[in-house]
Amino acid sequence: MAIINIWIFPLLISLYSIVCLLVCDFTKYIPAKNAYTIMTNHILLLLSVWMYLKYRELKSFYRQAEVSNSYIKLSRVNLFIGIAALTCYQLAVNFPATKINHVALVCNKLALLLANLYIWFHAFLSLKIRDSNVPRWILFLIRITLAFVVFSLAAAMIQANWVPDPAKQYVAIDAIYEWCCYFAFSVFLLTDSYEFRFLVFKPPKLIIRGCVGYNERVFESSDVSEDEDALPPLSQTYVN
């Protein structure tokens, strides 16, 4: 079954790309624009798969931990919100030259609004998950901080787009806000990966050879021993 899934998924992506080329308006643009749009479609498709997997993971954990069924229903609603955000963004990317007025603009704003709702709900729903490697409140504060960053950048993008600007002075500012928002959203997604639990941040050391108290053997062996002690065994299973 796993082999079948490995072969089916690339075929679905290829078929999806062909459908986008046939029905969307972005083929009227230069090839660079077409490549960017196709790449964005693939990323959004992978994000939809990721959202579904996170929903299944949360649902499985809630049932094992005997959490109230209301959390499962909220997680399902949050999945629909995330899929709606991706759908709106796909409409904005694939139909930039549509004859219907303001489709790209309205879909972009709806995508930003729904994406903010998704990450806020996901941050609070994930608070119920207990991880033995990272305290859940620290992870919750990291997610809330990233959610605030995404929200503030999204609000700045909406304001920059709605302000009348015949000279196009806000185009560069809006692009900066957009990339920073996407970067913060990507970091938010990384908080759900298992590898994020193994990150160890340590302050840099200033070593002056020949100073009082300098011991070369201590500085050579301390970093390796501390890193090995900080990492949990690879065989340990984490739930997130």
Protein backbone atom coordinates (compact mmCIF):
# COMPACT_ATOMS: atom_id res chain seq x y z
CA MET A 1 0.00 0.00 0.00
CA ALA A 2 2.86 2.38 0.78
CA ILE A 3 4.41 1.73 -2.65
CA ILE A 4 1.10 2.52 -4.33
CA ASN A 5 0.82 5.80 -2.43
CA ILE A 6 4.40 6.75 -3.38
CA TRP A 7 3.57 6.36 -7.06
CA ILE A 8 0.08 7.84 -6.96
CA PHE A 9 1.01 11.13 -5.30
CA PRO A 10 3.44 12.37 -8.03
CA LEU A 11 0.90 11.36 -10.67
CA LEU A 12 -1.78 13.41 -8.94
CA ILE A 13 0.55 16.43 -8.79
CA SER A 14 1.35 16.09 -12.51
CA LEU A 15 -2.34 15.80 -13.38
CA TYR A 16 -3.08 18.81 -11.19
CA SER A 17 -0.44 20.86 -13.06
CA ILE A 18 -1.95 19.95 -16.43
CA VAL A 19 -5.42 20.96 -15.24
CA CYS A 20 -4.07 24.31 -14.02
CA LEU A 21 -2.42 24.94 -17.39
CA LEU A 22 -5.68 24.25 -19.22
CA VAL A 23 -8.19 26.19 -17.12
CA CYS A 24 -6.24 29.06 -15.52
CA ASP A 25 -5.42 32.54 -16.80
CA PHE A 26 -1.76 32.71 -15.80
CA THR A 27 -0.69 31.07 -19.11
CA LYS A 28 -1.06 34.50 -20.71
CA TYR A 29 1.99 35.73 -18.83
CA ILE A 30 5.71 35.24 -19.34
CA PRO A 31 7.23 31.77 -18.64
CA ALA A 32 8.76 32.96 -15.35
CA LYS A 33 5.30 33.85 -14.08
CA ASN A 34 3.98 30.47 -15.20
CA ALA A 35 6.75 28.60 -13.36
CA TYR A 36 6.11 30.60 -10.19
CA THR A 37 2.39 29.85 -10.34
CA ILE A 38 2.88 26.13 -10.94
CA MET A 39 5.35 25.97 -8.05
CA THR A 40 2.87 27.80 -5.82
CA ASN A 41 0.14 25.34 -6.78
CA HIS A 42 2.35 22.42 -5.78
CA ILE A 43 3.24 24.05 -2.47
CA LEU A 44 -0.42 24.72 -1.69
CA LEU A 45 -1.31 21.13 -2.54
CA LEU A 46 1.39 19.86 -0.18
CA LEU A 47 0.13 22.26 2.50
CA SER A 48 -3.36 20.82 2.18
CA VAL A 49 -1.92 17.33 2.73
CA TRP A 50 0.02 18.61 5.74
CA MET A 51 -3.11 20.17 7.24
CA TYR A 52 -5.01 16.92 6.85
CA LEU A 53 -2.19 14.93 8.46
CA LYS A 54 -2.07 17.35 11.41
CA TYR A 55 -5.83 17.01 11.81
CA ARG A 56 -5.52 13.21 11.88
CA GLU A 57 -2.67 13.47 14.37
CA LEU A 58 -4.60 15.75 16.70
CA LYS A 59 -7.68 13.56 16.41
CA SER A 60 -5.68 10.44 17.26
CA PHE A 61 -4.08 12.12 20.27
CA TYR A 62 -7.40 13.44 21.56
CA ARG A 63 -8.93 9.98 21.43
CA GLN A 64 -5.96 8.36 23.16
CA ALA A 65 -5.90 11.03 25.87
CA GLU A 66 -9.71 10.85 26.27
CA VAL A 67 -10.10 14.57 25.56
CA SER A 68 -13.56 16.00 25.04
CA ASN A 69 -15.13 15.45 21.62
CA SER A 70 -15.54 19.20 21.22
CA TYR A 71 -11.79 19.46 20.56
CA ILE A 72 -12.11 16.95 17.73
CA LYS A 73 -14.95 18.97 16.21
CA LEU A 74 -12.96 22.20 16.55
CA SER A 75 -9.99 20.53 14.91
CA ARG A 76 -12.19 19.46 12.00
CA VAL A 77 -13.54 23.00 11.64
CA ASN A 78 -9.99 24.32 11.71
CA LEU A 79 -9.08 21.91 8.91
CA PHE A 80 -11.88 23.34 6.77
CA ILE A 81 -10.67 26.87 7.54
CA GLY A 82 -7.15 25.97 6.42
CA ILE A 83 -8.37 24.32 3.21
CA ALA A 84 -10.53 27.39 2.49
CA ALA A 85 -7.49 29.65 2.95
CA LEU A 86 -5.48 27.56 0.49
CA THR A 87 -8.38 27.56 -1.99
CA CYS A 88 -8.66 31.36 -1.86
CA TYR A 89 -4.94 31.74 -2.40
CA GLN A 90 -5.06 29.35 -5.36
CA LEU A 91 -7.82 31.42 -6.94
CA ALA A 92 -5.75 34.56 -6.48
CA VAL A 93 -2.65 32.97 -8.03
CA ASN A 94 -4.28 31.10 -10.91
CA PHE A 95 -6.68 33.83 -12.05
CA PRO A 96 -4.77 37.15 -11.97
CA ALA A 97 -6.24 38.25 -15.33
CA THR A 98 -9.81 37.09 -14.85
CA LYS A 99 -12.60 39.23 -16.21
CA ILE A 100 -14.37 39.26 -12.84
CA ASN A 101 -13.29 42.41 -11.02
CA HIS A 102 -11.17 42.23 -7.86
CA VAL A 103 -11.08 38.42 -7.65
CA ALA A 104 -7.34 38.28 -6.98
CA LEU A 105 -7.49 41.12 -4.45
CA VAL A 106 -10.48 39.75 -2.51
CA CYS A 107 -9.13 36.18 -2.52
CA ASN A 108 -5.76 37.38 -1.22
CA LYS A 109 -7.42 39.16 1.68
CA LEU A 110 -9.64 36.18 2.46
CA ALA A 111 -6.61 33.87 2.36
CA LEU A 112 -4.76 36.09 4.85
CA LEU A 113 -7.78 36.24 7.16
CA LEU A 114 -8.45 32.50 7.07
CA ALA A 115 -4.75 31.65 7.45
CA ASN A 116 -4.58 33.78 10.60
CA LEU A 117 -7.64 32.04 12.00
CA TYR A 118 -6.09 28.66 11.22
CA ILE A 119 -2.78 29.27 12.98
CA TRP A 120 -4.47 30.81 16.05
CA PHE A 121 -6.86 27.87 16.40
CA HIS A 122 -4.05 25.41 15.74
CA ALA A 123 -1.87 27.00 18.43
CA PHE A 124 -4.62 26.65 21.05
CA LEU A 125 -5.67 23.16 19.94
CA SER A 126 -2.06 21.94 20.09
CA LEU A 127 -1.79 23.17 23.67
CA LYS A 128 -3.45 19.93 24.80
CA ILE A 129 -0.57 17.88 23.41
CA ARG A 130 2.10 16.99 25.96
CA ASP A 131 5.68 16.50 24.78
CA SER A 132 8.27 15.11 27.17
CA ASN A 133 11.12 16.88 25.37
CA VAL A 134 9.81 20.48 25.25
CA PRO A 135 7.50 22.05 27.87
CA ARG A 136 4.17 22.69 26.18
CA TRP A 137 3.90 26.24 27.54
CA ILE A 138 7.23 27.21 25.98
CA LEU A 139 6.11 25.79 22.64
CA PHE A 140 2.76 27.54 23.04
CA LEU A 141 4.48 30.90 23.64
CA ILE A 142 6.63 30.38 20.54
CA ARG A 143 3.54 29.66 18.45
CA ILE A 144 1.61 32.60 19.87
CA THR A 145 4.55 34.92 19.15
CA LEU A 146 4.73 33.71 15.56
CA ALA A 147 0.95 34.07 15.25
CA PHE A 148 1.21 37.69 16.40
CA VAL A 149 3.95 38.31 13.82
CA VAL A 150 1.86 36.80 11.01
CA PHE A 151 -1.20 38.79 12.11
CA SER A 152 0.65 42.12 12.23
CA LEU A 153 2.30 41.57 8.85
CA ALA A 154 -0.99 40.50 7.28
CA ALA A 155 -2.69 43.64 8.61
CA ALA A 156 0.13 45.75 7.18
CA MET A 157 -0.25 44.03 3.79
CA ILE A 158 -4.00 44.68 3.72
CA GLN A 159 -3.49 48.34 4.60
CA ALA A 160 -0.78 48.76 1.95
CA ASN A 161 -3.00 47.24 -0.73
CA TRP A 162 -6.13 49.26 0.03
CA VAL A 163 -4.40 52.65 0.21
CA PRO A 164 -4.78 54.56 -3.11
CA ASP A 165 -1.30 54.70 -4.59
CA PRO A 166 -1.11 55.91 -8.21
CA ALA A 167 2.70 56.15 -8.00
CA LYS A 168 3.00 52.50 -6.85
CA GLN A 169 5.14 53.49 -3.87
CA TYR A 170 3.65 50.79 -1.65
CA VAL A 171 4.48 47.91 -3.99
CA ALA A 172 7.96 47.30 -2.56
CA ILE A 173 6.72 47.71 1.02
CA ASP A 174 3.88 45.26 0.40
CA ALA A 175 6.33 42.74 -1.09
CA ILE A 176 8.54 42.97 2.01
CA TYR A 177 5.53 42.45 4.29
CA GLU A 178 4.41 39.50 2.17
CA TRP A 179 7.73 37.64 2.26
CA CYS A 180 8.19 38.29 5.99
CA CYS A 181 4.66 36.98 6.60
CA TYR A 182 5.33 33.82 4.59
CA PHE A 183 8.63 33.30 6.42
CA ALA A 184 6.93 33.61 9.82
CA PHE A 185 4.19 31.21 8.68
CA SER A 186 6.86 28.71 7.55
CA VAL A 187 8.58 28.91 10.94
CA PHE A 188 5.19 28.33 12.56
CA LEU A 189 4.83 25.15 10.52
CA LEU A 190 8.28 24.03 11.67
CA THR A 191 7.09 24.05 15.28
CA ASP A 192 5.05 20.94 14.42
CA SER A 193 8.06 18.98 13.13
CA TYR A 194 9.82 16.48 15.35
CA GLU A 195 13.24 17.94 14.49
CA PHE A 196 12.20 21.25 16.04
CA ARG A 197 12.28 19.55 19.44
CA PHE A 198 15.98 18.75 19.08
CA LEU A 199 17.17 22.32 18.45
CA VAL A 200 19.58 23.46 21.15
CA PHE A 201 20.44 27.18 21.39
CA LYS A 202 23.54 28.04 23.40
CA PRO A 203 25.24 31.43 23.88
CA PRO A 204 28.55 31.95 22.05
CA LYS A 205 31.79 31.66 24.00
CA LEU A 206 34.68 34.11 23.86
CA ILE A 207 37.91 32.20 24.44
CA ILE A 208 41.12 34.16 25.01
CA ARG A 209 44.14 31.92 24.99
CA GLY A 210 46.59 32.57 27.79
CA CYS A 211 44.10 34.30 30.09
CA VAL A 212 43.72 33.43 33.75
CA GLY A 213 41.67 30.26 34.19
CA TYR A 214 42.05 29.16 30.55
CA ASN A 215 42.01 25.40 30.13
CA GLU A 216 42.04 24.15 26.55
CA ARG A 217 40.90 20.63 27.41
CA VAL A 218 37.77 21.94 29.14
CA PHE A 219 36.68 24.00 26.12
CA GLU A 220 37.37 21.16 23.70
CA SER A 221 35.32 18.54 25.58
CA SER A 222 32.49 20.57 27.14
CA ASP A 223 30.47 21.24 23.98
CA VAL A 224 30.42 17.61 22.86
CA SER A 225 29.42 16.23 26.24
CA GLU A 226 26.68 18.82 26.79
CA ASP A 227 25.17 18.25 23.37
CA GLU A 228 25.15 14.49 23.82
CA ASP A 229 23.51 14.78 27.23
CA ALA A 230 20.87 17.23 25.96
CA LEU A 231 19.62 15.01 23.14
CA PRO A 232 16.98 12.40 24.03
CA PRO A 233 17.34 8.85 22.70
CA LEU A 234 16.37 8.43 19.06
CA SER A 235 14.15 5.47 19.87
CA GLN A 236 11.82 7.62 21.96
CA THR A 237 8.47 8.33 20.31
CA TYR A 238 6.93 11.78 20.44
CA VAL A 239 3.36 12.77 19.80
CA ASN A 240 2.52 16.13 18.23
